[in-house]
Amino acid sequence: MSETYPDVIDQSSSLPPTRNAAVLRCNAARQRSLGESKTKGLDRFDTKVSAAAAYCDAMPDLSGSQNIRDFIACVAHGMITGLIDHIDGPKFLYAAQVAIGALRHEPKDLKPPAA
């Protein structure tokens, strides 16, 4: 994850504020998508679908404990704000649960790959 996260909270957003960097990143992706949709003149439904997809696409990979925690934060925030629906949300959380389980079974002497 080499992207930088926004430092400020977008006050113009209708979503509740957050301080989690990963959630800020997902919200920033959503905001960019909303702007692009407005430029393209997309209808309200397509705009909402595109923004939700951009939010999910910006979520961290399920690799490493910090990324998994950030992924869960993004999913929870997305579910609370309605960006992630009640059908997909539990699937995302289950994927995070499986990833956490896989981390527990990693050999202790396994070193992460050099960046």
Protein backbone atom coordinates (compact mmCIF):
# COMPACT_ATOMS: atom_id res chain seq x y z
CA MET A 1 0.00 0.00 0.00
CA SER A 2 2.01 2.92 -1.21
CA GLU A 3 -0.85 5.38 -1.59
CA THR A 4 -1.06 8.29 0.79
CA TYR A 5 -4.23 8.84 2.73
CA PRO A 6 -6.10 12.11 2.90
CA ASP A 7 -5.32 14.02 6.10
CA VAL A 8 -8.52 15.98 6.28
CA ILE A 9 -12.12 14.97 6.50
CA ASP A 10 -14.30 16.12 3.63
CA GLN A 11 -16.81 18.41 5.33
CA SER A 12 -19.03 18.47 2.22
CA SER A 13 -19.65 14.72 2.41
CA SER A 14 -22.97 13.47 3.76
CA LEU A 15 -21.17 10.56 5.42
CA PRO A 16 -20.21 10.61 9.10
CA PRO A 17 -16.61 11.69 9.79
CA THR A 18 -13.90 9.12 10.43
CA ARG A 19 -10.25 9.17 11.48
CA ASN A 20 -9.25 5.77 10.13
CA ALA A 21 -6.85 6.29 7.22
CA ALA A 22 -8.20 3.32 5.24
CA VAL A 23 -11.78 4.53 5.60
CA LEU A 24 -10.66 8.01 4.53
CA ARG A 25 -9.09 6.41 1.46
CA CYS A 26 -12.31 4.55 0.62
CA ASN A 27 -14.37 7.72 1.13
CA ALA A 28 -11.97 9.67 -1.09
CA ALA A 29 -12.43 7.06 -3.84
CA ARG A 30 -16.20 7.40 -3.43
CA GLN A 31 -15.97 11.19 -3.69
CA ARG A 32 -13.83 10.96 -6.86
CA SER A 33 -16.38 8.60 -8.38
CA LEU A 34 -19.23 10.96 -7.52
CA GLY A 35 -17.38 13.79 -9.25
CA GLU A 36 -16.69 11.68 -12.33
CA SER A 37 -20.32 10.58 -12.49
CA LYS A 38 -21.47 14.19 -12.29
CA THR A 39 -19.10 15.11 -15.13
CA LYS A 40 -20.40 12.23 -17.24
CA GLY A 41 -24.01 13.14 -16.47
CA LEU A 42 -24.88 9.69 -15.11
CA ASP A 43 -28.27 9.16 -13.54
CA ARG A 44 -28.70 8.83 -9.79
CA PHE A 45 -28.74 5.02 -9.74
CA ASP A 46 -25.60 4.61 -11.85
CA THR A 47 -23.87 7.28 -9.79
CA LYS A 48 -24.67 5.43 -6.55
CA VAL A 49 -23.54 2.07 -7.95
CA SER A 50 -20.29 3.53 -9.27
CA ALA A 51 -19.53 5.31 -6.00
CA ALA A 52 -20.15 2.16 -3.95
CA ALA A 53 -17.93 0.13 -6.29
CA ALA A 54 -15.15 2.73 -6.03
CA TYR A 55 -15.43 2.61 -2.22
CA CYS A 56 -15.10 -1.20 -2.21
CA ASP A 57 -12.28 -1.18 -4.76
CA ALA A 58 -10.27 1.10 -2.46
CA MET A 59 -10.54 -1.26 0.52
CA PRO A 60 -7.24 -2.79 1.68
CA ASP A 61 -6.19 -6.27 0.65
CA LEU A 62 -6.79 -9.04 3.15
CA SER A 63 -3.10 -9.54 3.84
CA GLY A 64 -1.54 -8.84 7.21
CA SER A 65 -3.28 -8.07 10.46
CA GLN A 66 -3.31 -4.27 10.03
CA ASN A 67 -4.80 -4.50 6.53
CA ILE A 68 -7.44 -6.91 7.78
CA ARG A 69 -8.39 -4.54 10.61
CA ASP A 70 -8.56 -1.66 8.15
CA PHE A 71 -10.66 -3.78 5.77
CA ILE A 72 -13.09 -4.49 8.61
CA ALA A 73 -13.24 -0.77 9.45
CA CYS A 74 -14.07 0.03 5.82
CA VAL A 75 -16.75 -2.64 5.67
CA ALA A 76 -18.32 -1.53 8.96
CA HIS A 77 -18.31 2.11 7.88
CA GLY A 78 -19.69 1.17 4.48
CA MET A 79 -22.50 -0.85 6.03
CA ILE A 80 -23.40 1.89 8.49
CA THR A 81 -23.52 4.51 5.77
CA GLY A 82 -25.37 2.32 3.26
CA LEU A 83 -22.52 2.09 0.75
CA ILE A 84 -22.26 -1.65 1.33
CA ASP A 85 -25.60 -3.45 1.37
CA HIS A 86 -26.82 -5.89 4.00
CA ILE A 87 -26.21 -8.84 1.67
CA ASP A 88 -22.60 -8.10 0.72
CA GLY A 89 -21.47 -6.75 4.11
CA PRO A 90 -21.58 -10.09 5.96
CA LYS A 91 -19.76 -11.75 3.05
CA PHE A 92 -16.95 -9.20 3.32
CA LEU A 93 -16.76 -9.69 7.08
CA TYR A 94 -16.65 -13.46 6.65
CA ALA A 95 -13.77 -13.07 4.19
CA ALA A 96 -11.94 -11.00 6.83
CA GLN A 97 -12.65 -13.69 9.43
CA VAL A 98 -11.17 -16.35 7.15
CA ALA A 99 -8.12 -14.16 6.54
CA ILE A 100 -7.61 -13.73 10.30
CA GLY A 101 -7.84 -17.49 10.70
CA ALA A 102 -5.23 -17.98 8.01
CA LEU A 103 -2.90 -15.57 9.81
CA ARG A 104 -3.15 -17.63 12.99
CA HIS A 105 -1.92 -20.70 11.14
CA GLU A 106 1.10 -19.04 9.52
CA PRO A 107 4.43 -20.44 10.66
CA LYS A 108 6.05 -18.13 13.21
CA ASP A 109 9.43 -18.17 11.45
CA LEU A 110 7.98 -17.09 8.09
CA LYS A 111 9.27 -13.63 7.23
CA PRO A 112 7.23 -11.29 5.03
CA PRO A 113 8.63 -10.67 1.54
CA ALA A 114 10.94 -7.70 1.19
CA ALA A 115 9.30 -4.67 -0.36
